[in-house]
Full PDB file with SEQRES, HELIX, SHEET, SSBOND, CRYST1, ORIGX, SCALE, CONECT and MASTER records, all heavy atoms in Angstrom:
SEQRES   1 A   32  ILE SER LYS LYS GLU ALA LEU ARG ARG VAL PHE ASP ALA          
SEQRES   2 A   32  ILE GLU SER ALA GLY TYR ASP PRO VAL LYS GLN LEU SER          
SEQRES   3 A   32  GLU TYR ILE LEU SER GLU                                      
HELIX    1 AA1 LYS A    3  SER A   16  1                                  14    
HELIX    2 AA2 PRO A   21  SER A   31  1                                  11    
CRYST1    1.000    1.000    1.000  90.00  90.00  90.00 P 1           1          
ORIGX1      1.000000  0.000000  0.000000        0.00000                         
ORIGX2      0.000000  1.000000  0.000000        0.00000                         
ORIGX3      0.000000  0.000000  1.000000        0.00000                         
SCALE1      1.000000  0.000000  0.000000        0.00000                         
SCALE2      0.000000  1.000000  0.000000        0.00000                         
SCALE3      0.000000  0.000000  1.000000        0.00000                         
ATOM      1  N   ILE A   1       9.005 124.012  -6.417  1.00  0.00           N  
ATOM      2  CA  ILE A   1       9.597 123.063  -5.609  1.00  0.00           C  
ATOM      3  C   ILE A   1      10.789 123.794  -4.739  1.00  0.00           C  
ATOM      4  O   ILE A   1      11.078 124.904  -5.115  1.00  0.00           O  
ATOM      5  CB  ILE A   1      10.370 121.916  -6.336  1.00  0.00           C  
ATOM      6  CG1 ILE A   1      11.430 122.476  -7.288  1.00  0.00           C  
ATOM      7  CG2 ILE A   1       9.232 121.109  -7.160  1.00  0.00           C  
ATOM      8  CD1 ILE A   1      12.142 121.367  -7.986  1.00  0.00           C  
ATOM      9  N   SER A   2      11.279 123.146  -3.711  1.00  0.00           N  
ATOM     10  CA  SER A   2      12.209 123.779  -2.794  1.00  0.00           C  
ATOM     11  C   SER A   2      13.595 123.791  -3.555  1.00  0.00           C  
ATOM     12  O   SER A   2      13.864 123.037  -4.466  1.00  0.00           O  
ATOM     13  CB  SER A   2      12.391 123.033  -1.537  1.00  0.00           C  
ATOM     14  OG  SER A   2      12.924 121.844  -1.690  1.00  0.00           O  
ATOM     15  N   LYS A   3      14.489 124.722  -3.111  1.00  0.00           N  
ATOM     16  CA  LYS A   3      15.754 124.723  -3.579  1.00  0.00           C  
ATOM     17  C   LYS A   3      16.559 123.426  -3.420  1.00  0.00           C  
ATOM     18  O   LYS A   3      17.293 122.932  -4.231  1.00  0.00           O  
ATOM     19  CB  LYS A   3      16.573 125.879  -2.996  1.00  0.00           C  
ATOM     20  CG  LYS A   3      16.126 127.275  -3.445  1.00  0.00           C  
ATOM     21  CD  LYS A   3      16.808 128.365  -2.874  1.00  0.00           C  
ATOM     22  CE  LYS A   3      16.131 129.624  -3.181  1.00  0.00           C  
ATOM     23  NZ  LYS A   3      16.614 130.814  -2.401  1.00  0.00           N  
ATOM     24  N   LYS A   4      16.370 122.843  -2.278  1.00  0.00           N  
ATOM     25  CA  LYS A   4      16.916 121.521  -1.907  1.00  0.00           C  
ATOM     26  C   LYS A   4      16.432 120.453  -2.811  1.00  0.00           C  
ATOM     27  O   LYS A   4      17.324 119.679  -3.287  1.00  0.00           O  
ATOM     28  CB  LYS A   4      16.519 121.256  -0.366  1.00  0.00           C  
ATOM     29  CG  LYS A   4      17.154 119.900   0.047  1.00  0.00           C  
ATOM     30  CD  LYS A   4      16.788 119.558   1.467  1.00  0.00           C  
ATOM     31  CE  LYS A   4      17.387 118.240   1.975  1.00  0.00           C  
ATOM     32  NZ  LYS A   4      17.056 118.006   3.354  1.00  0.00           N  
ATOM     33  N   GLU A   5      15.126 120.364  -3.150  1.00  0.00           N  
ATOM     34  CA  GLU A   5      14.741 119.379  -4.117  1.00  0.00           C  
ATOM     35  C   GLU A   5      15.235 119.720  -5.476  1.00  0.00           C  
ATOM     36  O   GLU A   5      15.684 118.749  -6.190  1.00  0.00           O  
ATOM     37  CB  GLU A   5      13.170 119.413  -4.189  1.00  0.00           C  
ATOM     38  CG  GLU A   5      12.584 118.301  -4.955  1.00  0.00           C  
ATOM     39  CD  GLU A   5      11.181 118.232  -5.128  1.00  0.00           C  
ATOM     40  OE1 GLU A   5      10.511 118.901  -4.255  1.00  0.00           O  
ATOM     41  OE2 GLU A   5      10.556 117.581  -6.076  1.00  0.00           O  
ATOM     42  N   ALA A   6      15.330 120.928  -5.876  1.00  0.00           N  
ATOM     43  CA  ALA A   6      15.973 121.252  -7.169  1.00  0.00           C  
ATOM     44  C   ALA A   6      17.449 120.769  -7.321  1.00  0.00           C  
ATOM     45  O   ALA A   6      17.808 120.257  -8.240  1.00  0.00           O  
ATOM     46  CB  ALA A   6      15.712 122.742  -7.426  1.00  0.00           C  
ATOM     47  N   LEU A   7      18.195 121.042  -6.146  1.00  0.00           N  
ATOM     48  CA  LEU A   7      19.588 120.644  -6.150  1.00  0.00           C  
ATOM     49  C   LEU A   7      19.614 119.152  -6.197  1.00  0.00           C  
ATOM     50  O   LEU A   7      20.597 118.531  -6.898  1.00  0.00           O  
ATOM     51  CB  LEU A   7      20.253 121.240  -5.039  1.00  0.00           C  
ATOM     52  CG  LEU A   7      20.484 122.794  -5.060  1.00  0.00           C  
ATOM     53  CD1 LEU A   7      21.053 123.318  -3.677  1.00  0.00           C  
ATOM     54  CD2 LEU A   7      21.435 123.126  -6.157  1.00  0.00           C  
ATOM     55  N   ARG A   8      18.840 118.504  -5.469  1.00  0.00           N  
ATOM     56  CA  ARG A   8      18.840 117.006  -5.602  1.00  0.00           C  
ATOM     57  C   ARG A   8      18.596 116.487  -7.000  1.00  0.00           C  
ATOM     58  O   ARG A   8      19.188 115.631  -7.420  1.00  0.00           O  
ATOM     59  CB  ARG A   8      17.837 116.571  -4.658  1.00  0.00           C  
ATOM     60  CG  ARG A   8      17.445 114.940  -4.782  1.00  0.00           C  
ATOM     61  CD  ARG A   8      18.727 114.031  -4.730  1.00  0.00           C  
ATOM     62  NE  ARG A   8      19.430 114.155  -3.380  1.00  0.00           N  
ATOM     63  CZ  ARG A   8      20.585 113.534  -3.180  1.00  0.00           C  
ATOM     64  NH1 ARG A   8      21.103 112.895  -4.215  1.00  0.00           N  
ATOM     65  NH2 ARG A   8      21.214 113.654  -2.149  1.00  0.00           N  
ATOM     66  N   ARG A   9      17.651 117.090  -7.621  1.00  0.00           N  
ATOM     67  CA  ARG A   9      17.349 116.682  -9.119  1.00  0.00           C  
ATOM     68  C   ARG A   9      18.478 116.881  -9.986  1.00  0.00           C  
ATOM     69  O   ARG A   9      18.878 116.111 -10.887  1.00  0.00           O  
ATOM     70  CB  ARG A   9      16.076 117.425  -9.580  1.00  0.00           C  
ATOM     71  CG  ARG A   9      14.845 116.895  -8.898  1.00  0.00           C  
ATOM     72  CD  ARG A   9      13.596 117.748  -9.345  1.00  0.00           C  
ATOM     73  NE  ARG A   9      12.419 117.160  -8.679  1.00  0.00           N  
ATOM     74  CZ  ARG A   9      11.629 116.450  -9.350  1.00  0.00           C  
ATOM     75  NH1 ARG A   9      11.771 115.980 -10.558  1.00  0.00           N  
ATOM     76  NH2 ARG A   9      10.364 116.086  -8.718  1.00  0.00           N  
ATOM     77  N   VAL A  10      19.163 118.164  -9.884  1.00  0.00           N  
ATOM     78  CA  VAL A  10      20.320 118.430 -10.531  1.00  0.00           C  
ATOM     79  C   VAL A  10      21.421 117.461 -10.346  1.00  0.00           C  
ATOM     80  O   VAL A  10      22.038 116.953 -11.253  1.00  0.00           O  
ATOM     81  CB  VAL A  10      20.725 119.970 -10.321  1.00  0.00           C  
ATOM     82  CG1 VAL A  10      22.144 120.170 -10.957  1.00  0.00           C  
ATOM     83  CG2 VAL A  10      19.755 120.869 -10.843  1.00  0.00           C  
ATOM     84  N   PHE A  11      21.596 117.166  -9.104  1.00  0.00           N  
ATOM     85  CA  PHE A  11      22.707 116.209  -8.626  1.00  0.00           C  
ATOM     86  C   PHE A  11      22.409 114.825  -9.320  1.00  0.00           C  
ATOM     87  O   PHE A  11      23.249 114.241  -9.944  1.00  0.00           O  
ATOM     88  CB  PHE A  11      22.665 116.039  -7.142  1.00  0.00           C  
ATOM     89  CG  PHE A  11      23.753 115.139  -6.583  1.00  0.00           C  
ATOM     90  CD1 PHE A  11      24.993 115.821  -6.107  1.00  0.00           C  
ATOM     91  CD2 PHE A  11      23.707 113.750  -6.538  1.00  0.00           C  
ATOM     92  CE1 PHE A  11      25.964 114.967  -5.622  1.00  0.00           C  
ATOM     93  CE2 PHE A  11      24.686 113.056  -5.984  1.00  0.00           C  
ATOM     94  CZ  PHE A  11      25.825 113.616  -5.421  1.00  0.00           C  
ATOM     95  N   ASP A  12      21.170 114.412  -9.225  1.00  0.00           N  
ATOM     96  CA  ASP A  12      20.816 112.988  -9.869  1.00  0.00           C  
ATOM     97  C   ASP A  12      20.962 113.062 -11.279  1.00  0.00           C  
ATOM     98  O   ASP A  12      21.451 112.038 -11.953  1.00  0.00           O  
ATOM     99  CB  ASP A  12      19.452 112.704  -9.385  1.00  0.00           C  
ATOM    100  CG  ASP A  12      19.307 112.313  -7.965  1.00  0.00           C  
ATOM    101  OD1 ASP A  12      20.310 112.183  -7.311  1.00  0.00           O  
ATOM    102  OD2 ASP A  12      18.195 112.363  -7.415  1.00  0.00           O  
ATOM    103  N   ALA A  13      20.514 114.216 -11.943  1.00  0.00           N  
ATOM    104  CA  ALA A  13      20.718 114.350 -13.394  1.00  0.00           C  
ATOM    105  C   ALA A  13      22.243 114.275 -13.873  1.00  0.00           C  
ATOM    106  O   ALA A  13      22.442 113.592 -14.949  1.00  0.00           O  
ATOM    107  CB  ALA A  13      20.011 115.671 -13.935  1.00  0.00           C  
ATOM    108  N   ILE A  14      23.044 114.982 -13.080  1.00  0.00           N  
ATOM    109  CA  ILE A  14      24.381 114.909 -13.485  1.00  0.00           C  
ATOM    110  C   ILE A  14      25.028 113.540 -13.382  1.00  0.00           C  
ATOM    111  O   ILE A  14      25.724 113.061 -14.205  1.00  0.00           O  
ATOM    112  CB  ILE A  14      25.209 115.972 -12.544  1.00  0.00           C  
ATOM    113  CG1 ILE A  14      24.748 117.320 -12.871  1.00  0.00           C  
ATOM    114  CG2 ILE A  14      26.672 115.735 -12.854  1.00  0.00           C  
ATOM    115  CD1 ILE A  14      25.342 118.388 -11.849  1.00  0.00           C  
ATOM    116  N   GLU A  15      24.624 112.963 -12.294  1.00  0.00           N  
ATOM    117  CA  GLU A  15      25.069 111.487 -12.126  1.00  0.00           C  
ATOM    118  C   GLU A  15      24.615 110.592 -13.181  1.00  0.00           C  
ATOM    119  O   GLU A  15      25.317 109.753 -13.717  1.00  0.00           O  
ATOM    120  CB  GLU A  15      24.699 111.032 -10.719  1.00  0.00           C  
ATOM    121  CG  GLU A  15      25.347 109.838 -10.232  1.00  0.00           C  
ATOM    122  CD  GLU A  15      25.004 109.615  -8.577  1.00  0.00           C  
ATOM    123  OE1 GLU A  15      23.909 109.570  -8.298  1.00  0.00           O  
ATOM    124  OE2 GLU A  15      26.009 109.505  -7.943  1.00  0.00           O  
ATOM    125  N   SER A  16      23.299 110.724 -13.542  1.00  0.00           N  
ATOM    126  CA  SER A  16      22.783 109.849 -14.601  1.00  0.00           C  
ATOM    127  C   SER A  16      23.346 110.092 -16.002  1.00  0.00           C  
ATOM    128  O   SER A  16      23.352 109.231 -16.817  1.00  0.00           O  
ATOM    129  CB  SER A  16      21.171 110.022 -14.651  1.00  0.00           C  
ATOM    130  OG  SER A  16      20.770 111.179 -15.271  1.00  0.00           O  
ATOM    131  N   ALA A  17      23.933 111.266 -16.098  1.00  0.00           N  
ATOM    132  CA  ALA A  17      24.566 111.498 -17.338  1.00  0.00           C  
ATOM    133  C   ALA A  17      26.047 111.040 -17.404  1.00  0.00           C  
ATOM    134  O   ALA A  17      26.750 111.205 -18.442  1.00  0.00           O  
ATOM    135  CB  ALA A  17      24.596 113.121 -17.628  1.00  0.00           C  
ATOM    136  N   GLY A  18      26.446 110.380 -16.264  1.00  0.00           N  
ATOM    137  CA  GLY A  18      27.694 109.893 -16.201  1.00  0.00           C  
ATOM    138  C   GLY A  18      28.815 110.753 -15.834  1.00  0.00           C  
ATOM    139  O   GLY A  18      30.071 110.393 -15.906  1.00  0.00           O  
ATOM    140  N   TYR A  19      28.605 111.952 -15.149  1.00  0.00           N  
ATOM    141  CA  TYR A  19      29.421 112.863 -14.697  1.00  0.00           C  
ATOM    142  C   TYR A  19      29.599 112.723 -13.079  1.00  0.00           C  
ATOM    143  O   TYR A  19      28.600 112.263 -12.502  1.00  0.00           O  
ATOM    144  CB  TYR A  19      29.224 114.287 -15.116  1.00  0.00           C  
ATOM    145  CG  TYR A  19      29.147 114.501 -16.559  1.00  0.00           C  
ATOM    146  CD1 TYR A  19      28.016 114.586 -17.302  1.00  0.00           C  
ATOM    147  CD2 TYR A  19      30.435 114.560 -17.280  1.00  0.00           C  
ATOM    148  CE1 TYR A  19      28.029 114.837 -18.695  1.00  0.00           C  
ATOM    149  CE2 TYR A  19      30.409 114.711 -18.711  1.00  0.00           C  
ATOM    150  CZ  TYR A  19      29.167 114.791 -19.379  1.00  0.00           C  
ATOM    151  OH  TYR A  19      29.191 114.970 -20.749  1.00  0.00           O  
ATOM    152  N   ASP A  20      30.614 113.319 -12.553  1.00  0.00           N  
ATOM    153  CA  ASP A  20      30.788 113.366 -11.127  1.00  0.00           C  
ATOM    154  C   ASP A  20      29.963 114.690 -10.630  1.00  0.00           C  
ATOM    155  O   ASP A  20      30.432 115.721 -10.900  1.00  0.00           O  
ATOM    156  CB  ASP A  20      32.200 113.529 -10.763  1.00  0.00           C  
ATOM    157  CG  ASP A  20      32.478 113.744  -9.303  1.00  0.00           C  
ATOM    158  OD1 ASP A  20      31.640 113.837  -8.581  1.00  0.00           O  
ATOM    159  OD2 ASP A  20      33.700 113.626  -8.914  1.00  0.00           O  
ATOM    160  N   PRO A  21      28.822 114.587  -9.953  1.00  0.00           N  
ATOM    161  CA  PRO A  21      28.096 115.679  -9.531  1.00  0.00           C  
ATOM    162  C   PRO A  21      28.891 116.655  -8.608  1.00  0.00           C  
ATOM    163  O   PRO A  21      28.651 117.860  -8.726  1.00  0.00           O  
ATOM    164  CB  PRO A  21      26.846 115.087  -8.902  1.00  0.00           C  
ATOM    165  CG  PRO A  21      27.033 113.549  -9.101  1.00  0.00           C  
ATOM    166  CD  PRO A  21      28.302 113.257  -9.439  1.00  0.00           C  
ATOM    167  N   VAL A  22      29.540 116.167  -7.822  1.00  0.00           N  
ATOM    168  CA  VAL A  22      30.424 117.046  -6.893  1.00  0.00           C  
ATOM    169  C   VAL A  22      31.347 117.952  -7.625  1.00  0.00           C  
ATOM    170  O   VAL A  22      31.340 119.127  -7.530  1.00  0.00           O  
ATOM    171  CB  VAL A  22      31.232 116.220  -5.838  1.00  0.00           C  
ATOM    172  CG1 VAL A  22      32.054 117.108  -4.932  1.00  0.00           C  
ATOM    173  CG2 VAL A  22      30.169 115.472  -4.860  1.00  0.00           C  
ATOM    174  N   LYS A  23      32.026 117.351  -8.549  1.00  0.00           N  
ATOM    175  CA  LYS A  23      32.956 118.036  -9.437  1.00  0.00           C  
ATOM    176  C   LYS A  23      32.269 119.094 -10.261  1.00  0.00           C  
ATOM    177  O   LYS A  23      32.542 120.263 -10.338  1.00  0.00           O  
ATOM    178  CB  LYS A  23      33.906 117.120 -10.249  1.00  0.00           C  
ATOM    179  CG  LYS A  23      34.855 117.869 -11.025  1.00  0.00           C  
ATOM    180  CD  LYS A  23      35.821 117.037 -11.889  1.00  0.00           C  
ATOM    181  CE  LYS A  23      36.723 117.877 -12.604  1.00  0.00           C  
ATOM    182  NZ  LYS A  23      37.537 117.238 -13.541  1.00  0.00           N  
ATOM    183  N   GLN A  24      31.175 118.594 -10.948  1.00  0.00           N  
ATOM    184  CA  GLN A  24      30.405 119.425 -11.861  1.00  0.00           C  
ATOM    185  C   GLN A  24      29.801 120.638 -11.136  1.00  0.00           C  
ATOM    186  O   GLN A  24      29.778 121.817 -11.571  1.00  0.00           O  
ATOM    187  CB  GLN A  24      29.384 118.714 -12.619  1.00  0.00           C  
ATOM    188  CG  GLN A  24      29.954 117.589 -13.533  1.00  0.00           C  
ATOM    189  CD  GLN A  24      30.933 118.048 -14.510  1.00  0.00           C  
ATOM    190  OE1 GLN A  24      32.055 117.786 -14.496  1.00  0.00           O  
ATOM    191  NE2 GLN A  24      30.453 118.832 -15.507  1.00  0.00           N  
ATOM    192  N   LEU A  25      29.141 120.339 -10.012  1.00  0.00           N  
ATOM    193  CA  LEU A  25      28.434 121.409  -9.169  1.00  0.00           C  
ATOM    194  C   LEU A  25      29.465 122.445  -8.694  1.00  0.00           C  
ATOM    195  O   LEU A  25      29.302 123.685  -8.661  1.00  0.00           O  
ATOM    196  CB  LEU A  25      27.613 120.937  -8.149  1.00  0.00           C  
ATOM    197  CG  LEU A  25      26.328 120.296  -8.612  1.00  0.00           C  
ATOM    198  CD1 LEU A  25      25.703 119.485  -7.433  1.00  0.00           C  
ATOM    199  CD2 LEU A  25      25.385 121.437  -8.947  1.00  0.00           C  
ATOM    200  N   SER A  26      30.692 121.971  -8.243  1.00  0.00           N  
ATOM    201  CA  SER A  26      31.724 122.738  -7.749  1.00  0.00           C  
ATOM    202  C   SER A  26      32.253 123.793  -8.818  1.00  0.00           C  
ATOM    203  O   SER A  26      32.352 124.932  -8.595  1.00  0.00           O  
ATOM    204  CB  SER A  26      32.935 121.969  -7.265  1.00  0.00           C  
ATOM    205  OG  SER A  26      32.490 121.183  -6.145  1.00  0.00           O  
ATOM    206  N   GLU A  27      32.425 123.212 -10.026  1.00  0.00           N  
ATOM    207  CA  GLU A  27      32.918 124.026 -11.162  1.00  0.00           C  
ATOM    208  C   GLU A  27      31.765 125.024 -11.413  1.00  0.00           C  
ATOM    209  O   GLU A  27      32.226 126.233 -11.751  1.00  0.00           O  
ATOM    210  CB  GLU A  27      33.245 123.070 -12.314  1.00  0.00           C  
ATOM    211  CG  GLU A  27      34.484 122.341 -12.071  1.00  0.00           C  
ATOM    212  CD  GLU A  27      35.822 123.141 -11.997  1.00  0.00           C  
ATOM    213  OE1 GLU A  27      35.842 124.324 -12.483  1.00  0.00           O  
ATOM    214  OE2 GLU A  27      36.641 122.585 -11.418  1.00  0.00           O  
ATOM    215  N   TYR A  28      30.601 124.678 -11.408  1.00  0.00           N  
ATOM    216  CA  TYR A  28      29.478 125.639 -11.805  1.00  0.00           C  
ATOM    217  C   TYR A  28      29.352 126.727 -10.746  1.00  0.00           C  
ATOM    218  O   TYR A  28      29.337 127.926 -11.101  1.00  0.00           O  
ATOM    219  CB  TYR A  28      28.091 124.896 -11.963  1.00  0.00           C  
ATOM    220  CG  TYR A  28      26.997 125.947 -11.968  1.00  0.00           C  
ATOM    221  CD1 TYR A  28      26.770 126.499 -13.099  1.00  0.00           C  
ATOM    222  CD2 TYR A  28      26.230 126.235 -10.875  1.00  0.00           C  
ATOM    223  CE1 TYR A  28      25.725 127.527 -13.227  1.00  0.00           C  
ATOM    224  CE2 TYR A  28      25.162 127.184 -11.082  1.00  0.00           C  
ATOM    225  CZ  TYR A  28      25.025 127.863 -12.311  1.00  0.00           C  
ATOM    226  OH  TYR A  28      23.995 128.780 -12.367  1.00  0.00           O  
ATOM    227  N   ILE A  29      29.517 126.385  -9.399  1.00  0.00           N  
ATOM    228  CA  ILE A  29      29.470 127.440  -8.377  1.00  0.00           C  
ATOM    229  C   ILE A  29      30.602 128.439  -8.482  1.00  0.00           C  
ATOM    230  O   ILE A  29      30.443 129.579  -8.355  1.00  0.00           O  
ATOM    231  CB  ILE A  29      29.524 126.748  -7.051  1.00  0.00           C  
ATOM    232  CG1 ILE A  29      28.060 126.034  -6.781  1.00  0.00           C  
ATOM    233  CG2 ILE A  29      29.832 127.764  -5.906  1.00  0.00           C  
ATOM    234  CD1 ILE A  29      28.219 125.126  -5.545  1.00  0.00           C  
ATOM    235  N   LEU A  30      31.843 127.863  -8.846  1.00  0.00           N  
ATOM    236  CA  LEU A  30      32.990 128.681  -8.983  1.00  0.00           C  
ATOM    237  C   LEU A  30      32.857 129.670 -10.267  1.00  0.00           C  
ATOM    238  O   LEU A  30      33.299 130.802 -10.116  1.00  0.00           O  
ATOM    239  CB  LEU A  30      34.246 127.964  -8.980  1.00  0.00           C  
ATOM    240  CG  LEU A  30      34.575 127.274  -7.714  1.00  0.00           C  
ATOM    241  CD1 LEU A  30      35.729 126.266  -7.894  1.00  0.00           C  
ATOM    242  CD2 LEU A  30      34.945 128.227  -6.633  1.00  0.00           C  
ATOM    243  N   SER A  31      32.448 128.991 -11.300  1.00  0.00           N  
ATOM    244  CA  SER A  31      32.439 129.916 -12.499  1.00  0.00           C  
ATOM    245  C   SER A  31      31.160 130.439 -13.046  1.00  0.00           C  
ATOM    246  O   SER A  31      31.074 131.392 -13.808  1.00  0.00           O  
ATOM    247  CB  SER A  31      32.952 128.882 -13.653  1.00  0.00           C  
ATOM    248  OG  SER A  31      31.989 127.885 -14.013  1.00  0.00           O  
ATOM    249  N   GLU A  32      29.955 129.932 -12.508  1.00  0.00           N  
ATOM    250  CA  GLU A  32      28.663 130.226 -13.025  1.00  0.00           C  
ATOM    251  C   GLU A  32      28.529 129.885 -14.452  1.00  0.00           C  
ATOM    252  O   GLU A  32      27.679 130.483 -15.186  1.00  0.00           O  
ATOM    253  CB  GLU A  32      28.393 131.714 -12.618  1.00  0.00           C  
ATOM    254  CG  GLU A  32      26.796 131.885 -12.716  1.00  0.00           C  
ATOM    255  CD  GLU A  32      26.380 133.285 -12.259  1.00  0.00           C  
ATOM    256  OE1 GLU A  32      27.287 134.200 -12.012  1.00  0.00           O  
ATOM    257  OE2 GLU A  32      25.244 133.518 -11.995  1.00  0.00           O  
TER     258      GLU A  32                                                      
MASTER        0    0    0    2    0    0    0    6  257    1    0    3          
END                                                                             
């Protein structure tokens, strides 16, 4: 699958888990 599709799936999964996807992805990008 494309990276874009993968990121969309990750975003949706974070949201479905009840977390803020923007915050979670930002923290991941900064810290790995």
